[in-house]
């Protein structure tokens, strides 16, 4: 009887840990990219885009890309990431897009950089394979741990075998996620209390 009473008392006072109310949310936005052009570069041409980064995998076409970074509190669950490329145009090019050279060593001159077409130039495939990619990681910002979601947008995909480019003018981005709320009871705010009759 005493054991049963103790068990009931424990159930009444032990804090509830790990029970969260999750709030479902979605983020929708459109990213427009209309500042891309091709520039003659001697034997090759370059794909130029304002404020863009450049893919520089040696032997692969140098193509512009953009990044979008989103921050969420730790505990957020990202359920889905959907990116749709819109306004796609096919462009037949007169010259090939220049391949990225090998990485320079500390004592190498720019004139010594080797520019060589990789196997991708002889394959009937578009590079990058998809219009976007993403990475999810955890980091520190302003002294707090946060989740970083980085989406990479590739407005140009290039097929060197056909010497043809596909260019997207807009990207529709949709992110479905669940934001955690504070636990119903916090284990740091409650002490364990055992209540028993005086005869114990």
C-alpha atoms as a PDB file:
ATOM      1  CA  UNK A   1       0.000   0.000   0.000  1.00  0.00           C
ATOM      2  CA  UNK A   2       2.838   2.342   0.898  1.00  0.00           C
ATOM      3  CA  UNK A   3       4.599   1.518  -2.410  1.00  0.00           C
ATOM      4  CA  UNK A   4       1.430   2.254  -4.370  1.00  0.00           C
ATOM      5  CA  UNK A   5       0.988   5.606  -2.613  1.00  0.00           C
ATOM      6  CA  UNK A   6       4.602   6.528  -3.356  1.00  0.00           C
ATOM      7  CA  UNK A   7       4.156   5.677  -7.051  1.00  0.00           C
ATOM      8  CA  UNK A   8       1.050   7.878  -7.296  1.00  0.00           C
ATOM      9  CA  UNK A   9       2.870  10.742  -5.578  1.00  0.00           C
ATOM     10  CA  UNK A  10       5.746  10.482  -8.049  1.00  0.00           C
ATOM     11  CA  UNK A  11       3.369  10.622 -10.998  1.00  0.00           C
ATOM     12  CA  UNK A  12       1.823  13.779  -9.576  1.00  0.00           C
ATOM     13  CA  UNK A  13       5.033  15.739  -9.070  1.00  0.00           C
ATOM     14  CA  UNK A  14       7.578  14.549 -11.647  1.00  0.00           C
ATOM     15  CA  UNK A  15       7.810  17.308 -14.297  1.00  0.00           C
ATOM     16  CA  UNK A  16       6.760  16.583 -17.833  1.00  0.00           C
ATOM     17  CA  UNK A  17       9.834  16.718 -20.031  1.00  0.00           C
ATOM     18  CA  UNK A  18      10.051  16.762 -23.833  1.00  0.00           C
ATOM     19  CA  UNK A  19       6.395  17.494 -24.522  1.00  0.00           C
ATOM     20  CA  UNK A  20       6.190  20.252 -27.111  1.00  0.00           C
ATOM     21  CA  UNK A  21       3.422  21.968 -28.982  1.00  0.00           C
ATOM     22  CA  UNK A  22       4.574  22.299 -32.584  1.00  0.00           C
ATOM     23  CA  UNK A  23       3.409  25.157 -34.745  1.00  0.00           C
ATOM     24  CA  UNK A  24       3.142  24.377 -38.449  1.00  0.00           C
ATOM     25  CA  UNK A  25       4.333  27.189 -40.701  1.00  0.00           C
ATOM     26  CA  UNK A  26       5.180  27.751 -44.367  1.00  0.00           C
ATOM     27  CA  UNK A  27       7.332  30.295 -46.157  1.00  0.00           C
ATOM     28  CA  UNK A  28       6.621  31.182 -49.776  1.00  0.00           C
ATOM     29  CA  UNK A  29       8.608  33.610 -51.879  1.00  0.00           C
ATOM     30  CA  UNK A  30       9.701  34.251 -55.454  1.00  0.00           C
ATOM     31  CA  UNK A  31      13.246  35.124 -56.470  1.00  0.00           C
ATOM     32  CA  UNK A  32      13.576  36.892 -59.834  1.00  0.00           C
ATOM     33  CA  UNK A  33      16.824  36.722 -61.815  1.00  0.00           C
ATOM     34  CA  UNK A  34      16.929  38.819 -64.965  1.00  0.00           C
ATOM     35  CA  UNK A  35      20.479  40.134 -65.062  1.00  0.00           C
ATOM     36  CA  UNK A  36      22.326  37.294 -66.812  1.00  0.00           C
ATOM     37  CA  UNK A  37      24.181  37.727 -70.089  1.00  0.00           C
ATOM     38  CA  UNK A  38      26.916  35.990 -72.063  1.00  0.00           C
ATOM     39  CA  UNK A  39      30.245  37.655 -72.769  1.00  0.00           C
ATOM     40  CA  UNK A  40      32.839  36.697 -75.381  1.00  0.00           C
ATOM     41  CA  UNK A  41      36.113  35.498 -73.867  1.00  0.00           C
ATOM     42  CA  UNK A  42      38.216  34.491 -76.857  1.00  0.00           C
ATOM     43  CA  UNK A  43      37.977  30.749 -77.385  1.00  0.00           C
ATOM     44  CA  UNK A  44      35.034  30.522 -74.992  1.00  0.00           C
ATOM     45  CA  UNK A  45      32.234  32.680 -73.610  1.00  0.00           C
ATOM     46  CA  UNK A  46      31.407  33.537 -70.005  1.00  0.00           C
ATOM     47  CA  UNK A  47      28.041  33.521 -68.266  1.00  0.00           C
ATOM     48  CA  UNK A  48      27.862  36.769 -66.299  1.00  0.00           C
ATOM     49  CA  UNK A  49      25.340  37.604 -63.562  1.00  0.00           C
ATOM     50  CA  UNK A  50      25.276  40.580 -61.192  1.00  0.00           C
ATOM     51  CA  UNK A  51      25.999  39.815 -57.513  1.00  0.00           C
ATOM     52  CA  UNK A  52      26.267  36.084 -58.239  1.00  0.00           C
ATOM     53  CA  UNK A  53      28.764  33.507 -57.049  1.00  0.00           C
ATOM     54  CA  UNK A  54      30.433  31.173 -59.551  1.00  0.00           C
ATOM     55  CA  UNK A  55      30.643  27.393 -59.733  1.00  0.00           C
ATOM     56  CA  UNK A  56      34.344  26.585 -60.099  1.00  0.00           C
ATOM     57  CA  UNK A  57      34.692  22.822 -60.221  1.00  0.00           C
ATOM     58  CA  UNK A  58      37.817  22.160 -62.355  1.00  0.00           C
ATOM     59  CA  UNK A  59      36.912  20.932 -65.841  1.00  0.00           C
ATOM     60  CA  UNK A  60      33.241  21.896 -65.448  1.00  0.00           C
ATOM     61  CA  UNK A  61      31.545  24.984 -66.935  1.00  0.00           C
ATOM     62  CA  UNK A  62      31.845  28.125 -64.826  1.00  0.00           C
ATOM     63  CA  UNK A  63      28.254  29.106 -64.115  1.00  0.00           C
ATOM     64  CA  UNK A  64      26.650  31.687 -61.819  1.00  0.00           C
ATOM     65  CA  UNK A  65      24.595  30.728 -58.784  1.00  0.00           C
ATOM     66  CA  UNK A  66      22.826  32.438 -55.910  1.00  0.00           C
ATOM     67  CA  UNK A  67      22.298  31.482 -52.274  1.00  0.00           C
ATOM     68  CA  UNK A  68      19.367  32.088 -49.938  1.00  0.00           C
ATOM     69  CA  UNK A  69      19.947  31.450 -46.230  1.00  0.00           C
ATOM     70  CA  UNK A  70      17.184  31.027 -43.653  1.00  0.00           C
ATOM     71  CA  UNK A  71      17.576  30.789 -39.880  1.00  0.00           C
ATOM     72  CA  UNK A  72      15.431  28.836 -37.425  1.00  0.00           C
ATOM     73  CA  UNK A  73      15.701  28.121 -33.697  1.00  0.00           C
ATOM     74  CA  UNK A  74      17.134  24.760 -32.711  1.00  0.00           C
ATOM     75  CA  UNK A  75      14.333  22.207 -32.508  1.00  0.00           C
ATOM     76  CA  UNK A  76      12.676  23.349 -35.729  1.00  0.00           C
ATOM     77  CA  UNK A  77      11.679  20.488 -38.025  1.00  0.00           C
ATOM     78  CA  UNK A  78      11.921  21.249 -41.742  1.00  0.00           C
ATOM     79  CA  UNK A  79       9.350  19.019 -43.408  1.00  0.00           C
ATOM     80  CA  UNK A  80       9.797  19.932 -47.073  1.00  0.00           C
ATOM     81  CA  UNK A  81      11.698  22.230 -49.410  1.00  0.00           C
ATOM     82  CA  UNK A  82      10.255  22.831 -52.870  1.00  0.00           C
ATOM     83  CA  UNK A  83      11.848  25.062 -55.492  1.00  0.00           C
ATOM     84  CA  UNK A  84      10.284  25.497 -58.929  1.00  0.00           C
ATOM     85  CA  UNK A  85      12.172  27.134 -61.801  1.00  0.00           C
ATOM     86  CA  UNK A  86       9.942  29.349 -63.948  1.00  0.00           C
ATOM     87  CA  UNK A  87      10.310  31.284 -67.196  1.00  0.00           C
ATOM     88  CA  UNK A  88      12.720  28.733 -68.656  1.00  0.00           C
ATOM     89  CA  UNK A  89      14.304  29.618 -72.002  1.00  0.00           C
ATOM     90  CA  UNK A  90      16.556  27.460 -74.159  1.00  0.00           C
ATOM     91  CA  UNK A  91      19.515  29.294 -75.661  1.00  0.00           C
ATOM     92  CA  UNK A  92      21.725  27.992 -78.479  1.00  0.00           C
ATOM     93  CA  UNK A  93      25.243  29.343 -78.002  1.00  0.00           C
ATOM     94  CA  UNK A  94      27.884  30.090 -80.628  1.00  0.00           C
ATOM     95  CA  UNK A  95      30.792  29.155 -78.377  1.00  0.00           C
ATOM     96  CA  UNK A  96      31.176  26.901 -75.394  1.00  0.00           C
ATOM     97  CA  UNK A  97      31.072  28.255 -71.861  1.00  0.00           C
ATOM     98  CA  UNK A  98      34.587  28.305 -70.426  1.00  0.00           C
ATOM     99  CA  UNK A  99      35.583  25.511 -68.045  1.00  0.00           C
ATOM    100  CA  UNK A 100      36.975  26.223 -64.600  1.00  0.00           C
ATOM    101  CA  UNK A 101      40.757  25.869 -64.293  1.00  0.00           C
ATOM    102  CA  UNK A 102      42.522  23.803 -61.701  1.00  0.00           C
ATOM    103  CA  UNK A 103      43.132  25.456 -58.365  1.00  0.00           C
ATOM    104  CA  UNK A 104      46.204  27.685 -58.247  1.00  0.00           C
ATOM    105  CA  UNK A 105      49.155  26.871 -56.042  1.00  0.00           C
ATOM    106  CA  UNK A 106      50.859  29.607 -54.037  1.00  0.00           C
ATOM    107  CA  UNK A 107      53.740  29.932 -56.536  1.00  0.00           C
ATOM    108  CA  UNK A 108      51.705  29.601 -59.760  1.00  0.00           C
ATOM    109  CA  UNK A 109      51.267  32.486 -62.186  1.00  0.00           C
ATOM    110  CA  UNK A 110      47.886  33.254 -63.742  1.00  0.00           C
ATOM    111  CA  UNK A 111      49.356  32.567 -67.186  1.00  0.00           C
ATOM    112  CA  UNK A 112      50.241  29.041 -66.040  1.00  0.00           C
ATOM    113  CA  UNK A 113      46.691  28.122 -65.060  1.00  0.00           C
ATOM    114  CA  UNK A 114      45.560  25.090 -67.043  1.00  0.00           C
ATOM    115  CA  UNK A 115      42.101  25.355 -68.596  1.00  0.00           C
ATOM    116  CA  UNK A 116      40.904  21.957 -69.747  1.00  0.00           C
ATOM    117  CA  UNK A 117      37.483  20.639 -70.688  1.00  0.00           C
ATOM    118  CA  UNK A 118      36.413  17.807 -68.413  1.00  0.00           C
ATOM    119  CA  UNK A 119      34.377  14.737 -69.332  1.00  0.00           C
ATOM    120  CA  UNK A 120      31.144  16.699 -68.806  1.00  0.00           C
ATOM    121  CA  UNK A 121      31.878  18.549 -72.077  1.00  0.00           C
ATOM    122  CA  UNK A 122      31.490  15.317 -74.029  1.00  0.00           C
ATOM    123  CA  UNK A 123      28.356  14.021 -72.309  1.00  0.00           C
ATOM    124  CA  UNK A 124      24.798  14.781 -73.422  1.00  0.00           C
ATOM    125  CA  UNK A 125      23.719  16.062 -70.023  1.00  0.00           C
ATOM    126  CA  UNK A 126      22.915  19.365 -68.363  1.00  0.00           C
ATOM    127  CA  UNK A 127      25.041  20.749 -65.552  1.00  0.00           C
ATOM    128  CA  UNK A 128      24.106  21.295 -62.790  1.00  0.00           C
ATOM    129  CA  UNK A 129      21.810  18.287 -62.735  1.00  0.00           C
ATOM    130  CA  UNK A 130      19.051  20.205 -60.920  1.00  0.00           C
ATOM    131  CA  UNK A 131      17.874  23.800 -60.697  1.00  0.00           C
ATOM    132  CA  UNK A 132      18.651  23.958 -56.990  1.00  0.00           C
ATOM    133  CA  UNK A 133      20.281  22.245 -54.057  1.00  0.00           C
ATOM    134  CA  UNK A 134      20.260  22.854 -50.303  1.00  0.00           C
ATOM    135  CA  UNK A 135      22.128  22.185 -47.085  1.00  0.00           C
ATOM    136  CA  UNK A 136      20.960  22.168 -43.479  1.00  0.00           C
ATOM    137  CA  UNK A 137      23.358  22.745 -40.610  1.00  0.00           C
ATOM    138  CA  UNK A 138      23.586  23.995 -37.038  1.00  0.00           C
ATOM    139  CA  UNK A 139      25.692  26.989 -36.069  1.00  0.00           C
ATOM    140  CA  UNK A 140      26.074  29.854 -33.626  1.00  0.00           C
ATOM    141  CA  UNK A 141      24.662  33.342 -34.184  1.00  0.00           C
ATOM    142  CA  UNK A 142      24.611  36.099 -31.575  1.00  0.00           C
ATOM    143  CA  UNK A 143      25.647  33.521 -28.989  1.00  0.00           C
ATOM    144  CA  UNK A 144      22.717  31.210 -29.711  1.00  0.00           C
ATOM    145  CA  UNK A 145      22.535  27.898 -31.545  1.00  0.00           C
ATOM    146  CA  UNK A 146      20.432  28.134 -34.695  1.00  0.00           C
ATOM    147  CA  UNK A 147      19.570  25.973 -37.683  1.00  0.00           C
ATOM    148  CA  UNK A 148      20.784  27.296 -41.023  1.00  0.00           C
ATOM    149  CA  UNK A 149      19.010  26.309 -44.226  1.00  0.00           C
ATOM    150  CA  UNK A 150      20.945  27.387 -47.325  1.00  0.00           C
ATOM    151  CA  UNK A 151      19.330  27.022 -50.744  1.00  0.00           C
ATOM    152  CA  UNK A 152      21.515  27.192 -53.858  1.00  0.00           C
ATOM    153  CA  UNK A 153      19.775  28.482 -56.990  1.00  0.00           C
ATOM    154  CA  UNK A 154      21.227  27.649 -60.400  1.00  0.00           C
ATOM    155  CA  UNK A 155      19.668  30.010 -62.991  1.00  0.00           C
ATOM    156  CA  UNK A 156      21.684  28.489 -65.852  1.00  0.00           C
ATOM    157  CA  UNK A 157      22.085  24.816 -66.654  1.00  0.00           C
ATOM    158  CA  UNK A 158      24.427  24.050 -69.533  1.00  0.00           C
ATOM    159  CA  UNK A 159      24.822  21.134 -71.937  1.00  0.00           C
ATOM    160  CA  UNK A 160      28.272  21.445 -73.525  1.00  0.00           C
ATOM    161  CA  UNK A 161      27.689  18.499 -75.878  1.00  0.00           C
ATOM    162  CA  UNK A 162      24.767  20.365 -77.505  1.00  0.00           C
ATOM    163  CA  UNK A 163      26.245  23.769 -76.655  1.00  0.00           C
ATOM    164  CA  UNK A 164      22.845  24.706 -75.300  1.00  0.00           C
ATOM    165  CA  UNK A 165      21.832  26.503 -72.109  1.00  0.00           C
ATOM    166  CA  UNK A 166      18.580  26.536 -70.166  1.00  0.00           C
ATOM    167  CA  UNK A 167      17.970  29.770 -68.304  1.00  0.00           C
ATOM    168  CA  UNK A 168      15.346  30.360 -65.598  1.00  0.00           C
ATOM    169  CA  UNK A 169      14.128  33.873 -64.810  1.00  0.00           C
ATOM    170  CA  UNK A 170      12.230  33.100 -61.587  1.00  0.00           C
ATOM    171  CA  UNK A 171      12.330  30.639 -58.707  1.00  0.00           C
ATOM    172  CA  UNK A 172       9.336  29.874 -56.518  1.00  0.00           C
ATOM    173  CA  UNK A 173      10.496  28.755 -53.077  1.00  0.00           C
ATOM    174  CA  UNK A 174       8.295  27.002 -50.535  1.00  0.00           C
ATOM    175  CA  UNK A 175       9.492  25.763 -47.151  1.00  0.00           C
ATOM    176  CA  UNK A 176       7.228  23.832 -44.766  1.00  0.00           C
ATOM    177  CA  UNK A 177       8.468  23.618 -41.197  1.00  0.00           C
ATOM    178  CA  UNK A 178       7.409  23.182 -37.582  1.00  0.00           C
ATOM    179  CA  UNK A 179       8.513  25.644 -34.919  1.00  0.00           C
ATOM    180  CA  UNK A 180       8.787  24.201 -31.394  1.00  0.00           C
ATOM    181  CA  UNK A 181       7.225  26.062 -28.507  1.00  0.00           C
ATOM    182  CA  UNK A 182       8.440  25.892 -24.918  1.00  0.00           C
ATOM    183  CA  UNK A 183       7.795  22.700 -22.994  1.00  0.00           C
ATOM    184  CA  UNK A 184       4.606  22.593 -20.942  1.00  0.00           C
ATOM    185  CA  UNK A 185       6.710  22.042 -17.817  1.00  0.00           C
ATOM    186  CA  UNK A 186      10.385  22.832 -17.548  1.00  0.00           C
ATOM    187  CA  UNK A 187      12.429  20.328 -15.565  1.00  0.00           C
ATOM    188  CA  UNK A 188      14.748  23.073 -14.291  1.00  0.00           C
ATOM    189  CA  UNK A 189      11.898  24.921 -12.607  1.00  0.00           C
ATOM    190  CA  UNK A 190      10.458  22.091 -10.515  1.00  0.00           C
ATOM    191  CA  UNK A 191      11.893  20.045  -7.633  1.00  0.00           C
ATOM    192  CA  UNK A 192      10.873  16.491  -6.818  1.00  0.00           C
ATOM    193  CA  UNK A 193       8.544  16.348  -3.808  1.00  0.00           C
ATOM    194  CA  UNK A 194       7.542  13.078  -2.132  1.00  0.00           C
ATOM    195  CA  UNK A 195       4.487  13.186   0.146  1.00  0.00           C
ATOM    196  CA  UNK A 196       3.999  10.361   2.662  1.00  0.00           C
ATOM    197  CA  UNK A 197       1.935   9.718   5.808  1.00  0.00           C
ATOM    198  CA  UNK A 198       3.512  10.512   9.210  1.00  0.00           C
ATOM    199  CA  UNK A 199       3.657   6.784  10.021  1.00  0.00           C
ATOM    200  CA  UNK A 200       6.384   6.200   7.359  1.00  0.00           C
END
